[in-house]
N, C-alpha and C. Protein backbone atom coordinates (compact mmCIF):
# COMPACT_ATOMS: atom_id res chain seq x y z
N MET A 1 -9.71 5.22 -5.91
CA MET A 1 -9.45 6.25 -4.94
C MET A 1 -7.95 6.53 -4.95
N LYS A 2 -7.60 7.80 -4.93
CA LYS A 2 -6.18 8.16 -4.89
C LYS A 2 -5.66 8.01 -3.47
N ILE A 3 -4.57 7.24 -3.35
CA ILE A 3 -3.93 6.97 -2.06
C ILE A 3 -2.53 7.55 -2.13
N THR A 4 -2.19 8.40 -1.17
CA THR A 4 -0.86 8.99 -1.09
C THR A 4 -0.18 8.46 0.15
N ARG A 5 1.02 7.95 -0.05
CA ARG A 5 1.79 7.40 1.06
C ARG A 5 3.23 7.88 0.95
N THR A 6 3.89 7.95 2.10
CA THR A 6 5.31 8.26 2.16
C THR A 6 6.05 6.99 2.56
N SER A 7 7.03 6.61 1.79
CA SER A 7 7.78 5.38 2.02
C SER A 7 8.47 5.41 3.38
N ILE A 8 8.38 4.30 4.09
CA ILE A 8 9.05 4.20 5.38
C ILE A 8 10.56 4.09 5.22
N MET A 9 11.03 3.77 4.02
CA MET A 9 12.46 3.63 3.78
C MET A 9 13.09 4.89 3.18
N SER A 10 12.53 5.38 2.11
CA SER A 10 13.16 6.50 1.38
C SER A 10 12.57 7.85 1.75
N ARG A 11 11.40 7.85 2.38
CA ARG A 11 10.66 9.07 2.71
C ARG A 11 10.10 9.74 1.46
N LYS A 12 10.13 9.05 0.31
CA LYS A 12 9.57 9.56 -0.93
C LYS A 12 8.04 9.41 -0.89
N THR A 13 7.32 10.45 -1.30
CA THR A 13 5.87 10.42 -1.32
C THR A 13 5.37 10.07 -2.72
N THR A 14 4.45 9.11 -2.78
CA THR A 14 3.90 8.62 -4.05
C THR A 14 2.39 8.56 -3.92
N THR A 15 1.71 8.87 -5.02
CA THR A 15 0.25 8.74 -5.08
C THR A 15 -0.10 7.71 -6.14
N ARG A 16 -1.01 6.81 -5.77
CA ARG A 16 -1.49 5.80 -6.72
C ARG A 16 -3.01 5.78 -6.67
N ASP A 17 -3.62 5.49 -7.80
CA ASP A 17 -5.07 5.37 -7.89
C ASP A 17 -5.41 3.89 -7.77
N LEU A 18 -6.00 3.50 -6.64
CA LEU A 18 -6.29 2.10 -6.36
C LEU A 18 -7.79 1.87 -6.20
N PRO A 19 -8.26 0.68 -6.57
CA PRO A 19 -9.70 0.39 -6.47
C PRO A 19 -10.13 0.04 -5.03
N VAL A 20 -10.11 1.04 -4.18
CA VAL A 20 -10.57 0.88 -2.80
C VAL A 20 -11.56 1.99 -2.49
N THR A 21 -12.36 1.77 -1.48
CA THR A 21 -13.34 2.76 -1.06
C THR A 21 -12.91 3.38 0.27
N PRO A 22 -13.45 4.53 0.60
CA PRO A 22 -13.15 5.11 1.91
C PRO A 22 -13.53 4.17 3.06
N ASP A 23 -14.61 3.39 2.89
CA ASP A 23 -15.00 2.44 3.93
C ASP A 23 -13.97 1.34 4.12
N MET A 24 -13.39 0.86 3.04
CA MET A 24 -12.35 -0.16 3.14
C MET A 24 -11.14 0.38 3.88
N LEU A 25 -10.73 1.58 3.50
CA LEU A 25 -9.57 2.20 4.13
C LEU A 25 -9.84 2.43 5.62
N ALA A 26 -11.03 2.86 5.96
CA ALA A 26 -11.39 3.10 7.36
C ALA A 26 -11.38 1.79 8.15
N ALA A 27 -11.91 0.72 7.57
CA ALA A 27 -11.92 -0.57 8.25
C ALA A 27 -10.51 -1.04 8.55
N TRP A 28 -9.61 -0.89 7.58
CA TRP A 28 -8.21 -1.26 7.79
C TRP A 28 -7.58 -0.41 8.89
N LYS A 29 -7.81 0.89 8.85
CA LYS A 29 -7.25 1.78 9.86
C LYS A 29 -7.79 1.47 11.26
N GLN A 30 -8.97 0.88 11.32
CA GLN A 30 -9.58 0.53 12.60
C GLN A 30 -9.17 -0.86 13.08
N GLY A 31 -8.28 -1.52 12.34
CA GLY A 31 -7.72 -2.77 12.83
C GLY A 31 -8.03 -4.03 12.05
N GLU A 32 -8.87 -3.92 11.02
CA GLU A 32 -9.12 -5.10 10.19
C GLU A 32 -7.85 -5.44 9.41
N LEU A 33 -7.64 -6.72 9.15
CA LEU A 33 -6.49 -7.13 8.34
C LEU A 33 -6.68 -6.65 6.91
N ILE A 34 -5.63 -6.07 6.36
CA ILE A 34 -5.74 -5.51 5.02
C ILE A 34 -6.12 -6.57 3.99
N GLN A 35 -5.62 -7.79 4.15
CA GLN A 35 -5.94 -8.84 3.18
C GLN A 35 -7.41 -9.25 3.27
N ASN A 36 -8.06 -9.01 4.41
CA ASN A 36 -9.49 -9.31 4.52
C ASN A 36 -10.34 -8.19 3.94
N VAL A 37 -9.91 -6.96 4.13
CA VAL A 37 -10.67 -5.80 3.66
C VAL A 37 -10.42 -5.52 2.19
N MET A 38 -9.19 -5.71 1.74
CA MET A 38 -8.81 -5.37 0.37
C MET A 38 -8.14 -6.55 -0.33
N GLY A 39 -8.72 -7.72 -0.16
CA GLY A 39 -8.16 -8.93 -0.74
C GLY A 39 -8.08 -8.92 -2.25
N HIS A 40 -8.83 -8.04 -2.90
CA HIS A 40 -8.81 -7.95 -4.36
C HIS A 40 -7.55 -7.24 -4.87
N LEU A 41 -6.84 -6.56 -3.98
CA LEU A 41 -5.60 -5.87 -4.38
C LEU A 41 -4.44 -6.85 -4.44
N SER A 42 -3.46 -6.53 -5.25
CA SER A 42 -2.24 -7.34 -5.28
C SER A 42 -1.47 -7.13 -3.98
N ILE A 43 -0.56 -8.04 -3.70
CA ILE A 43 0.29 -7.89 -2.51
C ILE A 43 1.05 -6.57 -2.61
N SER A 44 1.51 -6.25 -3.79
CA SER A 44 2.25 -5.01 -4.00
C SER A 44 1.41 -3.78 -3.64
N ASP A 45 0.15 -3.76 -4.07
CA ASP A 45 -0.72 -2.63 -3.76
C ASP A 45 -1.01 -2.55 -2.26
N ARG A 46 -1.20 -3.71 -1.64
CA ARG A 46 -1.45 -3.70 -0.19
C ARG A 46 -0.22 -3.22 0.57
N GLU A 47 0.96 -3.64 0.14
CA GLU A 47 2.19 -3.18 0.79
C GLU A 47 2.37 -1.67 0.62
N PHE A 48 1.99 -1.16 -0.55
CA PHE A 48 2.06 0.28 -0.77
C PHE A 48 1.18 1.02 0.24
N ILE A 49 -0.02 0.52 0.47
CA ILE A 49 -0.91 1.16 1.43
C ILE A 49 -0.31 1.09 2.83
N ILE A 50 0.27 -0.04 3.20
CA ILE A 50 0.81 -0.24 4.54
C ILE A 50 2.06 0.60 4.78
N ASN A 51 3.02 0.54 3.85
CA ASN A 51 4.32 1.16 4.13
C ASN A 51 4.81 2.18 3.12
N GLY A 52 4.03 2.43 2.07
CA GLY A 52 4.38 3.46 1.11
C GLY A 52 5.45 3.08 0.10
N MET A 53 5.93 1.85 0.17
CA MET A 53 7.00 1.44 -0.75
C MET A 53 6.43 0.97 -2.09
N THR A 54 7.08 1.40 -3.17
CA THR A 54 6.72 0.95 -4.51
C THR A 54 7.50 -0.32 -4.83
N ASP A 55 7.11 -1.01 -5.90
CA ASP A 55 7.84 -2.21 -6.32
C ASP A 55 9.30 -1.90 -6.63
N ASP A 56 9.55 -0.81 -7.33
CA ASP A 56 10.93 -0.45 -7.68
C ASP A 56 11.77 -0.22 -6.44
N GLU A 57 11.20 0.46 -5.47
CA GLU A 57 11.94 0.72 -4.24
C GLU A 57 12.19 -0.58 -3.48
N TRP A 58 11.17 -1.42 -3.41
CA TRP A 58 11.29 -2.70 -2.72
C TRP A 58 12.41 -3.53 -3.35
N ASP A 59 12.42 -3.61 -4.70
CA ASP A 59 13.43 -4.37 -5.42
C ASP A 59 14.83 -3.81 -5.22
N SER A 60 14.95 -2.49 -5.20
CA SER A 60 16.28 -1.89 -5.04
C SER A 60 16.84 -2.11 -3.64
N ILE A 61 15.98 -2.27 -2.66
CA ILE A 61 16.44 -2.48 -1.28
C ILE A 61 16.61 -3.96 -0.97
N PHE A 62 15.64 -4.78 -1.36
CA PHE A 62 15.63 -6.19 -0.96
C PHE A 62 15.92 -7.15 -2.09
N GLY A 63 16.07 -6.67 -3.31
CA GLY A 63 16.27 -7.55 -4.45
C GLY A 63 14.93 -7.94 -5.04
N ASP A 64 14.96 -8.55 -6.20
CA ASP A 64 13.71 -8.87 -6.87
C ASP A 64 13.35 -10.35 -6.79
N ASP A 65 13.94 -11.07 -5.88
CA ASP A 65 13.62 -12.50 -5.70
C ASP A 65 12.36 -12.68 -4.89
């Protein structure tokens, strides 16, 4: 499913194709923990859904450690 998010830091909009369903996204939006609903995603992919930040953006702001 294509997910489009705007970064909370840079305001840059990015679209990624992630293996999630509309039901998973709805459950998360209704308050389920993302790691319970989409535990098959990497931490990076889950963070992208939550805050719109890409790995490159995260590394440039917080470092890559």
